[in-house]
Amino acid sequence: MLIGGSVLLSYQLILDYLRHHEESNNDRPQYFDHLFASTIIGSTAGFFLGGAPRFVFIGAFVTSFILSPMLWWMKTHARMNA
């Protein structure tokens, strides 16, 4: 539970850091902030779970090209009682 909670907390903190001046001119879509936060979390997971430095890049690649679009779709469309 601690690991899952820390992953979700780090995702929210990264998003809050990227969007902390919402009143300013922020032309970046929210998807790119989601992509950046997910890629940082994926590369960190690859660092901790892998045995070699290449797993950092593998974790970032897999997260940015496979997991992040699926998670974005789940976040926006696959909600119960939306």
PDB file of N, CA and C in Angstrom:
ATOM      1  N   MET A   1       0.816  -1.166   0.000  1.00  0.00           N
ATOM      2  CA  MET A   1       0.000   0.000   0.000  1.00  0.00           C
ATOM      3  C   MET A   1       0.875   1.251   0.000  1.00  0.00           C
ATOM      4  N   LEU A   2       1.992   1.183   0.660  1.00  0.00           N
ATOM      5  CA  LEU A   2       2.878   2.340   0.726  1.00  0.00           C
ATOM      6  C   LEU A   2       3.438   2.687  -0.656  1.00  0.00           C
ATOM      7  N   ILE A   3       3.806   1.675  -1.417  1.00  0.00           N
ATOM      8  CA  ILE A   3       4.360   1.923  -2.749  1.00  0.00           C
ATOM      9  C   ILE A   3       3.291   2.490  -3.675  1.00  0.00           C
ATOM     10  N   GLY A   4       2.100   1.909  -3.665  1.00  0.00           N
ATOM     11  CA  GLY A   4       1.032   2.413  -4.513  1.00  0.00           C
ATOM     12  C   GLY A   4       0.625   3.828  -4.152  1.00  0.00           C
ATOM     13  N   GLY A   5       0.563   4.110  -2.862  1.00  0.00           N
ATOM     14  CA  GLY A   5       0.227   5.464  -2.425  1.00  0.00           C
ATOM     15  C   GLY A   5       1.301   6.464  -2.788  1.00  0.00           C
ATOM     16  N   SER A   6       2.558   6.054  -2.685  1.00  0.00           N
ATOM     17  CA  SER A   6       3.635   6.982  -3.032  1.00  0.00           C
ATOM     18  C   SER A   6       3.688   7.239  -4.532  1.00  0.00           C
ATOM     19  N   VAL A   7       3.326   6.253  -5.348  1.00  0.00           N
ATOM     20  CA  VAL A   7       3.272   6.459  -6.801  1.00  0.00           C
ATOM     21  C   VAL A   7       2.179   7.468  -7.139  1.00  0.00           C
ATOM     22  N   LEU A   8       0.997   7.292  -6.561  1.00  0.00           N
ATOM     23  CA  LEU A   8      -0.092   8.223  -6.833  1.00  0.00           C
ATOM     24  C   LEU A   8       0.201   9.616  -6.283  1.00  0.00           C
ATOM     25  N   LEU A   9       0.824   9.682  -5.127  1.00  0.00           N
ATOM     26  CA  LEU A   9       1.189  10.986  -4.563  1.00  0.00           C
ATOM     27  C   LEU A   9       2.238  11.677  -5.415  1.00  0.00           C
ATOM     28  N   SER A  10       3.233  10.930  -5.887  1.00  0.00           N
ATOM     29  CA  SER A  10       4.253  11.558  -6.724  1.00  0.00           C
ATOM     30  C   SER A  10       3.657  12.025  -8.053  1.00  0.00           C
ATOM     31  N   TYR A  11       2.704  11.276  -8.610  1.00  0.00           N
ATOM     32  CA  TYR A  11       2.022  11.713  -9.829  1.00  0.00           C
ATOM     33  C   TYR A  11       1.301  13.038  -9.580  1.00  0.00           C
ATOM     34  N   GLN A  12       0.577  13.124  -8.490  1.00  0.00           N
ATOM     35  CA  GLN A  12      -0.168  14.345  -8.195  1.00  0.00           C
ATOM     36  C   GLN A  12       0.769  15.514  -7.900  1.00  0.00           C
ATOM     37  N   LEU A  13       1.868  15.270  -7.209  1.00  0.00           N
ATOM     38  CA  LEU A  13       2.819  16.348  -6.910  1.00  0.00           C
ATOM     39  C   LEU A  13       3.504  16.859  -8.179  1.00  0.00           C
ATOM     40  N   ILE A  14       3.827  15.959  -9.105  1.00  0.00           N
ATOM     41  CA  ILE A  14       4.437  16.388 -10.365  1.00  0.00           C
ATOM     42  C   ILE A  14       3.445  17.217 -11.173  1.00  0.00           C
ATOM     43  N   LEU A  15       2.190  16.772 -11.221  1.00  0.00           N
ATOM     44  CA  LEU A  15       1.176  17.556 -11.938  1.00  0.00           C
ATOM     45  C   LEU A  15       0.964  18.912 -11.281  1.00  0.00           C
ATOM     46  N   ASP A  16       0.936  18.961  -9.964  1.00  0.00           N
ATOM     47  CA  ASP A  16       0.777  20.239  -9.274  1.00  0.00           C
ATOM     48  C   ASP A  16       1.965  21.160  -9.535  1.00  0.00           C
ATOM     49  N   TYR A  17       3.158  20.592  -9.606  1.00  0.00           N
ATOM     50  CA  TYR A  17       4.339  21.406  -9.886  1.00  0.00           C
ATOM     51  C   TYR A  17       4.286  21.977 -11.305  1.00  0.00           C
ATOM     52  N   LEU A  18       3.839  21.167 -12.262  1.00  0.00           N
ATOM     53  CA  LEU A  18       3.787  21.630 -13.646  1.00  0.00           C
ATOM     54  C   LEU A  18       2.682  22.646 -13.886  1.00  0.00           C
ATOM     55  N   ARG A  19       1.626  22.590 -13.113  1.00  0.00           N
ATOM     56  CA  ARG A  19       0.466  23.470 -13.312  1.00  0.00           C
ATOM     57  C   ARG A  19       0.263  24.444 -12.166  1.00  0.00           C
ATOM     58  N   HIS A  20       1.303  24.814 -11.438  1.00  0.00           N
ATOM     59  CA  HIS A  20       1.102  25.638 -10.247  1.00  0.00           C
ATOM     60  C   HIS A  20       0.768  27.093 -10.557  1.00  0.00           C
ATOM     61  N   HIS A  21       1.000  27.544 -11.764  1.00  0.00           N
ATOM     62  CA  HIS A  21       0.601  28.891 -12.159  1.00  0.00           C
ATOM     63  C   HIS A  21      -0.449  28.768 -13.259  1.00  0.00           C
ATOM     64  N   GLU A  22      -1.619  28.300 -12.893  1.00  0.00           N
ATOM     65  CA  GLU A  22      -2.674  28.070 -13.878  1.00  0.00           C
ATOM     66  C   GLU A  22      -3.200  29.369 -14.457  1.00  0.00           C
ATOM     67  N   GLU A  23      -3.088  30.483 -13.707  1.00  0.00           N
ATOM     68  CA  GLU A  23      -3.604  31.737 -14.229  1.00  0.00           C
ATOM     69  C   GLU A  23      -2.699  32.341 -15.301  1.00  0.00           C
ATOM     70  N   SER A  24      -1.466  31.869 -15.390  1.00  0.00           N
ATOM     71  CA  SER A  24      -0.565  32.388 -16.425  1.00  0.00           C
ATOM     72  C   SER A  24      -0.875  31.718 -17.762  1.00  0.00           C
ATOM     73  N   ASN A  25      -0.187  32.114 -18.777  1.00  0.00           N
ATOM     74  CA  ASN A  25      -0.420  31.597 -20.116  1.00  0.00           C
ATOM     75  C   ASN A  25       0.185  30.197 -20.231  1.00  0.00           C
ATOM     76  N   ASN A  26      -0.643  29.200 -20.042  1.00  0.00           N
ATOM     77  CA  ASN A  26      -0.198  27.814 -20.107  1.00  0.00           C
ATOM     78  C   ASN A  26      -0.869  27.159 -21.306  1.00  0.00           C
ATOM     79  N   ASP A  27      -0.170  27.137 -22.437  1.00  0.00           N
ATOM     80  CA  ASP A  27      -0.734  26.598 -23.673  1.00  0.00           C
ATOM     81  C   ASP A  27      -0.503  25.103 -23.824  1.00  0.00           C
ATOM     82  N   ARG A  28       0.170  24.500 -22.882  1.00  0.00           N
ATOM     83  CA  ARG A  28       0.485  23.080 -22.975  1.00  0.00           C
ATOM     84  C   ARG A  28      -0.756  22.254 -22.609  1.00  0.00           C
ATOM     85  N   PRO A  29      -1.129  21.276 -23.444  1.00  0.00           N
ATOM     86  CA  PRO A  29      -2.274  20.430 -23.092  1.00  0.00           C
ATOM     87  C   PRO A  29      -1.968  19.576 -21.857  1.00  0.00           C
ATOM     88  N   GLN A  30      -3.007  19.179 -21.164  1.00  0.00           N
ATOM     89  CA  GLN A  30      -2.835  18.387 -19.945  1.00  0.00           C
ATOM     90  C   GLN A  30      -2.258  17.008 -20.240  1.00  0.00           C
ATOM     91  N   TYR A  31      -2.458  16.520 -21.454  1.00  0.00           N
ATOM     92  CA  TYR A  31      -1.903  15.213 -21.803  1.00  0.00           C
ATOM     93  C   TYR A  31      -0.386  15.206 -21.697  1.00  0.00           C
ATOM     94  N   PHE A  32       0.269  16.282 -22.086  1.00  0.00           N
ATOM     95  CA  PHE A  32       1.729  16.310 -22.040  1.00  0.00           C
ATOM     96  C   PHE A  32       2.246  16.363 -20.611  1.00  0.00           C
ATOM     97  N   ASP A  33       1.507  17.009 -19.734  1.00  0.00           N
ATOM     98  CA  ASP A  33       1.871  16.952 -18.320  1.00  0.00           C
ATOM     99  C   ASP A  33       1.704  15.536 -17.778  1.00  0.00           C
ATOM    100  N   HIS A  34       0.630  14.864 -18.185  1.00  0.00           N
ATOM    101  CA  HIS A  34       0.414  13.469 -17.786  1.00  0.00           C
ATOM    102  C   HIS A  34       1.535  12.587 -18.334  1.00  0.00           C
ATOM    103  N   LEU A  35       1.922  12.824 -19.591  1.00  0.00           N
ATOM    104  CA  LEU A  35       2.992  12.038 -20.207  1.00  0.00           C
ATOM    105  C   LEU A  35       4.311  12.241 -19.470  1.00  0.00           C
ATOM    106  N   PHE A  36       4.611  13.479 -19.118  1.00  0.00           N
ATOM    107  CA  PHE A  36       5.855  13.765 -18.408  1.00  0.00           C
ATOM    108  C   PHE A  36       5.861  13.114 -17.025  1.00  0.00           C
ATOM    109  N   ALA A  37       4.757  13.243 -16.298  1.00  0.00           N
ATOM    110  CA  ALA A  37       4.691  12.670 -14.952  1.00  0.00           C
ATOM    111  C   ALA A  37       4.774  11.148 -15.003  1.00  0.00           C
ATOM    112  N   SER A  38       4.085  10.535 -15.948  1.00  0.00           N
ATOM    113  CA  SER A  38       4.116   9.077 -16.066  1.00  0.00           C
ATOM    114  C   SER A  38       5.502   8.585 -16.466  1.00  0.00           C
ATOM    115  N   THR A  39       6.170   9.313 -17.350  1.00  0.00           N
ATOM    116  CA  THR A  39       7.508   8.913 -17.772  1.00  0.00           C
ATOM    117  C   THR A  39       8.509   9.017 -16.631  1.00  0.00           C
ATOM    118  N   ILE A  40       8.401  10.050 -15.819  1.00  0.00           N
ATOM    119  CA  ILE A  40       9.287  10.174 -14.656  1.00  0.00           C
ATOM    120  C   ILE A  40       9.060   9.022 -13.682  1.00  0.00           C
ATOM    121  N   ILE A  41       7.809   8.689 -13.439  1.00  0.00           N
ATOM    122  CA  ILE A  41       7.499   7.587 -12.524  1.00  0.00           C
ATOM    123  C   ILE A  41       7.963   6.253 -13.105  1.00  0.00           C
ATOM    124  N   GLY A  42       7.780   6.046 -14.413  1.00  0.00           N
ATOM    125  CA  GLY A  42       8.222   4.810 -15.050  1.00  0.00           C
ATOM    126  C   GLY A  42       9.728   4.644 -15.056  1.00  0.00           C
ATOM    127  N   SER A  43      10.453   5.723 -15.292  1.00  0.00           N
ATOM    128  CA  SER A  43      11.914   5.619 -15.269  1.00  0.00           C
ATOM    129  C   SER A  43      12.423   5.401 -13.846  1.00  0.00           C
ATOM    130  N   THR A  44      11.756   5.984 -12.865  1.00  0.00           N
ATOM    131  CA  THR A  44      12.133   5.744 -11.469  1.00  0.00           C
ATOM    132  C   THR A  44      11.854   4.304 -11.072  1.00  0.00           C
ATOM    133  N   ALA A  45      10.723   3.759 -11.522  1.00  0.00           N
ATOM    134  CA  ALA A  45      10.425   2.352 -11.249  1.00  0.00           C
ATOM    135  C   ALA A  45      11.441   1.443 -11.934  1.00  0.00           C
ATOM    136  N   GLY A  46      11.836   1.783 -13.150  1.00  0.00           N
ATOM    137  CA  GLY A  46      12.871   1.009 -13.825  1.00  0.00           C
ATOM    138  C   GLY A  46      14.201   1.076 -13.104  1.00  0.00           C
ATOM    139  N   PHE A  47      14.494   2.221 -12.505  1.00  0.00           N
ATOM    140  CA  PHE A  47      15.731   2.363 -11.735  1.00  0.00           C
ATOM    141  C   PHE A  47      15.723   1.468 -10.504  1.00  0.00           C
ATOM    142  N   PHE A  48      14.600   1.442  -9.796  1.00  0.00           N
ATOM    143  CA  PHE A  48      14.540   0.673  -8.565  1.00  0.00           C
ATOM    144  C   PHE A  48      14.350  -0.825  -8.805  1.00  0.00           C
ATOM    145  N   LEU A  49      13.624  -1.194  -9.849  1.00  0.00           N
ATOM    146  CA  LEU A  49      13.328  -2.604 -10.078  1.00  0.00           C
ATOM    147  C   LEU A  49      14.342  -3.292 -10.977  1.00  0.00           C
ATOM    148  N   GLY A  50      15.031  -2.558 -11.817  1.00  0.00           N
ATOM    149  CA  GLY A  50      15.990  -3.163 -12.732  1.00  0.00           C
ATOM    150  C   GLY A  50      17.346  -3.346 -12.072  1.00  0.00           C
ATOM    151  N   GLY A  51      18.137  -4.177 -12.687  1.00  0.00           N
ATOM    152  CA  GLY A  51      19.455  -4.440 -12.137  1.00  0.00           C
ATOM    153  C   GLY A  51      20.564  -3.694 -12.851  1.00  0.00           C
ATOM    154  N   ALA A  52      20.228  -2.985 -13.918  1.00  0.00           N
ATOM    155  CA  ALA A  52      21.240  -2.287 -14.701  1.00  0.00           C
ATOM    156  C   ALA A  52      20.696  -0.917 -15.102  1.00  0.00           C
ATOM    157  N   PRO A  53      21.588   0.004 -15.483  1.00  0.00           N
ATOM    158  CA  PRO A  53      21.128   1.338 -15.874  1.00  0.00           C
ATOM    159  C   PRO A  53      20.232   1.357 -17.107  1.00  0.00           C
ATOM    160  N   ARG A  54      20.294   0.338 -17.947  1.00  0.00           N
ATOM    161  CA  ARG A  54      19.447   0.332 -19.138  1.00  0.00           C
ATOM    162  C   ARG A  54      17.967   0.233 -18.799  1.00  0.00           C
ATOM    163  N   PHE A  55      17.638  -0.266 -17.617  1.00  0.00           N
ATOM    164  CA  PHE A  55      16.236  -0.390 -17.230  1.00  0.00           C
ATOM    165  C   PHE A  55      15.583   0.967 -16.965  1.00  0.00           C
ATOM    166  N   VAL A  56      16.384   1.991 -16.691  1.00  0.00           N
ATOM    167  CA  VAL A  56      15.834   3.348 -16.564  1.00  0.00           C
ATOM    168  C   VAL A  56      15.271   3.790 -17.911  1.00  0.00           C
ATOM    169  N   PHE A  57      16.024   3.576 -18.971  1.00  0.00           N
ATOM    170  CA  PHE A  57      15.580   3.966 -20.306  1.00  0.00           C
ATOM    171  C   PHE A  57      14.460   3.062 -20.813  1.00  0.00           C
ATOM    172  N   ILE A  58      14.516   1.780 -20.477  1.00  0.00           N
ATOM    173  CA  ILE A  58      13.441   0.873 -20.866  1.00  0.00           C
ATOM    174  C   ILE A  58      12.149   1.244 -20.161  1.00  0.00           C
ATOM    175  N   GLY A  59      12.230   1.559 -18.875  1.00  0.00           N
ATOM    176  CA  GLY A  59      11.046   1.976 -18.134  1.00  0.00           C
ATOM    177  C   GLY A  59      10.456   3.262 -18.671  1.00  0.00           C
ATOM    178  N   ALA A  60      11.305   4.224 -19.025  1.00  0.00           N
ATOM    179  CA  ALA A  60      10.818   5.486 -19.588  1.00  0.00           C
ATOM    180  C   ALA A  60      10.195   5.264 -20.962  1.00  0.00           C
ATOM    181  N   PHE A  61      10.800   4.428 -21.777  1.00  0.00           N
ATOM    182  CA  PHE A  61      10.283   4.177 -23.127  1.00  0.00           C
ATOM    183  C   PHE A  61       8.939   3.464 -23.083  1.00  0.00           C
ATOM    184  N   VAL A  62       8.859   2.406 -22.302  1.00  0.00           N
ATOM    185  CA  VAL A  62       7.616   1.637 -22.216  1.00  0.00           C
ATOM    186  C   VAL A  62       6.509   2.486 -21.614  1.00  0.00           C
ATOM    187  N   THR A  63       6.833   3.266 -20.612  1.00  0.00           N
ATOM    188  CA  THR A  63       5.813   4.100 -19.990  1.00  0.00           C
ATOM    189  C   THR A  63       5.330   5.189 -20.929  1.00  0.00           C
ATOM    190  N   SER A  64       6.246   5.841 -21.637  1.00  0.00           N
ATOM    191  CA  SER A  64       5.835   6.962 -22.475  1.00  0.00           C
ATOM    192  C   SER A  64       5.090   6.525 -23.725  1.00  0.00           C
ATOM    193  N   PHE A  65       5.403   5.357 -24.269  1.00  0.00           N
ATOM    194  CA  PHE A  65       4.761   4.955 -25.522  1.00  0.00           C
ATOM    195  C   PHE A  65       3.623   3.964 -25.350  1.00  0.00           C
ATOM    196  N   ILE A  66       3.570   3.245 -24.242  1.00  0.00           N
ATOM    197  CA  ILE A  66       2.535   2.230 -24.075  1.00  0.00           C
ATOM    198  C   ILE A  66       1.622   2.545 -22.897  1.00  0.00           C
ATOM    199  N   LEU A  67       2.184   2.725 -21.719  1.00  0.00           N
ATOM    200  CA  LEU A  67       1.359   2.867 -20.526  1.00  0.00           C
ATOM    201  C   LEU A  67       0.691   4.227 -20.407  1.00  0.00           C
ATOM    202  N   SER A  68       1.392   5.273 -20.759  1.00  0.00           N
ATOM    203  CA  SER A  68       0.842   6.607 -20.577  1.00  0.00           C
ATOM    204  C   SER A  68      -0.396   6.869 -21.433  1.00  0.00           C
ATOM    205  N   PRO A  69      -0.435   6.503 -22.727  1.00  0.00           N
ATOM    206  CA  PRO A  69      -1.694   6.694 -23.470  1.00  0.00           C
ATOM    207  C   PRO A  69      -2.848   5.856 -22.920  1.00  0.00           C
ATOM    208  N   MET A  70      -2.546   4.631 -22.456  1.00  0.00           N
ATOM    209  CA  MET A  70      -3.605   3.807 -21.876  1.00  0.00           C
ATOM    210  C   MET A  70      -4.114   4.408 -20.573  1.00  0.00           C
ATOM    211  N   LEU A  71      -3.212   4.911 -19.752  1.00  0.00           N
ATOM    212  CA  LEU A  71      -3.628   5.531 -18.494  1.00  0.00           C
ATOM    213  C   LEU A  71      -4.395   6.825 -18.735  1.00  0.00           C
ATOM    214  N   TRP A  72      -4.014   7.579 -19.773  1.00  0.00           N
ATOM    215  CA  TRP A  72      -4.751   8.803 -20.094  1.00  0.00           C
ATOM    216  C   TRP A  72      -6.172   8.479 -20.541  1.00  0.00           C
ATOM    217  N   TRP A  73      -6.315   7.427 -21.355  1.00  0.00           N
ATOM    218  CA  TRP A  73      -7.648   7.027 -21.774  1.00  0.00           C
ATOM    219  C   TRP A  73      -8.473   6.575 -20.577  1.00  0.00           C
ATOM    220  N   MET A  74      -7.863   5.807 -19.694  1.00  0.00           N
ATOM    221  CA  MET A  74      -8.588   5.366 -18.508  1.00  0.00           C
ATOM    222  C   MET A  74      -8.967   6.539 -17.624  1.00  0.00           C
ATOM    223  N   LYS A  75      -8.097   7.527 -17.544  1.00  0.00           N
ATOM    224  CA  LYS A  75      -8.377   8.695 -16.709  1.00  0.00           C
ATOM    225  C   LYS A  75      -9.523   9.530 -17.278  1.00  0.00           C
ATOM    226  N   THR A  76      -9.605   9.628 -18.591  1.00  0.00           N
ATOM    227  CA  THR A  76     -10.600  10.511 -19.183  1.00  0.00           C
ATOM    228  C   THR A  76     -11.899   9.804 -19.569  1.00  0.00           C
ATOM    229  N   HIS A  77     -11.856   8.544 -19.986  1.00  0.00           N
ATOM    230  CA  HIS A  77     -13.040   7.899 -20.538  1.00  0.00           C
ATOM    231  C   HIS A  77     -13.580   6.737 -19.702  1.00  0.00           C
ATOM    232  N   ALA A  78     -12.735   6.012 -19.079  1.00  0.00           N
ATOM    233  CA  ALA A  78     -13.171   4.778 -18.416  1.00  0.00           C
ATOM    234  C   ALA A  78     -13.455   5.030 -16.936  1.00  0.00           C
ATOM    235  N   ARG A  79     -14.382   5.922 -16.658  1.00  0.00           N
ATOM    236  CA  ARG A  79     -14.740   6.221 -15.275  1.00  0.00           C
ATOM    237  C   ARG A  79     -16.097   5.594 -14.965  1.00  0.00           C
ATOM    238  N   MET A  80     -16.221   5.110 -13.767  1.00  0.00           N
ATOM    239  CA  MET A  80     -17.522   4.640 -13.329  1.00  0.00           C
ATOM    240  C   MET A  80     -18.267   5.823 -12.706  1.00  0.00           C
ATOM    241  N   ASN A  81     -19.526   5.968 -13.041  1.00  0.00           N
ATOM    242  CA  ASN A  81     -20.369   7.037 -12.519  1.00  0.00           C
ATOM    243  C   ASN A  81     -19.797   8.415 -12.804  1.00  0.00           C
ATOM    244  N   ALA A  82     -19.355   8.616 -14.047  1.00  0.00           N
ATOM    245  CA  ALA A  82     -18.718   9.886 -14.404  1.00  0.00           C
ATOM    246  C   ALA A  82     -19.737  11.010 -14.440  1.00  0.00           C
TER     247      ALA A  82
END
